[in-house]
């Protein structure tokens, strides 16, 4: 289920008033903007480190 669908269901059930939805959307937008700014300010990782926590080391096959 997508966020839009959940939001619509909550509005239809009168569980998410427009004012609360608007406040939540504003808060989420601010949090996303802050995260993007932090990521853009962060130093770039060296190329050698990019896969450090993505892949496992290849182990030798048993004899």
Protein backbone atom coordinates (compact mmCIF):
# COMPACT_ATOMS: atom_id res chain seq x y z
CA UNK A 1 0.00 0.00 0.00
CA UNK A 2 1.35 3.42 -0.89
CA UNK A 3 1.50 6.47 1.36
CA UNK A 4 -1.09 8.25 -0.78
CA UNK A 5 -3.51 5.34 -0.41
CA UNK A 6 -3.02 5.21 3.35
CA UNK A 7 -3.48 8.96 3.58
CA UNK A 8 -6.69 8.78 1.58
CA UNK A 9 -8.08 5.96 3.73
CA UNK A 10 -7.32 7.93 6.88
CA UNK A 11 -9.00 11.05 5.45
CA UNK A 12 -12.03 9.02 4.36
CA UNK A 13 -12.30 7.56 7.87
CA UNK A 14 -11.97 11.07 9.35
CA UNK A 15 -8.84 9.92 11.20
CA UNK A 16 -6.49 12.40 9.50
CA UNK A 17 -7.85 15.93 9.33
CA UNK A 18 -6.44 18.17 6.59
CA UNK A 19 -4.66 20.37 9.14
CA UNK A 20 -2.89 17.36 10.70
CA UNK A 21 -2.01 15.96 7.27
CA UNK A 22 -0.57 19.30 6.20
CA UNK A 23 1.50 19.57 9.39
CA UNK A 24 2.78 16.02 8.92
CA UNK A 25 3.72 16.68 5.29
CA UNK A 26 5.55 19.88 6.31
CA UNK A 27 7.45 18.01 9.03
CA UNK A 28 8.41 15.22 6.65
CA UNK A 29 9.55 17.67 3.98
CA UNK A 30 11.73 19.51 6.50
CA UNK A 31 13.25 16.23 7.70
CA UNK A 32 13.99 15.12 4.14
CA UNK A 33 15.51 18.51 3.28
CA UNK A 34 17.72 18.28 6.37
CA UNK A 35 18.86 14.76 5.45
CA UNK A 36 19.68 15.81 1.88
CA UNK A 37 21.66 18.83 3.11
CA UNK A 38 23.62 16.65 5.54
CA UNK A 39 24.40 14.13 2.80
CA UNK A 40 25.55 16.88 0.45
CA UNK A 41 27.86 18.34 3.14
CA UNK A 42 29.36 14.96 4.03
CA UNK A 43 32.75 14.11 2.55
CA UNK A 44 32.75 11.64 -0.31
CA UNK A 45 33.91 8.14 0.49
CA UNK A 46 37.06 6.90 -1.22
CA UNK A 47 36.26 4.59 -4.14
CA UNK A 48 38.03 1.73 -2.38
CA UNK A 49 35.53 1.93 0.50
CA UNK A 50 32.29 2.03 -1.50
CA UNK A 51 31.60 -1.71 -1.34
CA UNK A 52 33.01 -2.23 2.16
CA UNK A 53 29.67 -3.08 3.79
CA UNK A 54 27.81 -4.17 0.66
CA UNK A 55 29.58 -7.36 -0.32
CA UNK A 56 31.14 -10.23 1.60
CA UNK A 57 34.71 -11.28 1.06
CA UNK A 58 35.05 -14.18 -1.32
CA UNK A 59 36.20 -17.21 0.60
CA UNK A 60 38.43 -19.85 -0.93
CA UNK A 61 36.63 -22.98 -2.04
CA UNK A 62 37.20 -26.03 0.18
CA UNK A 63 39.79 -28.44 -1.23
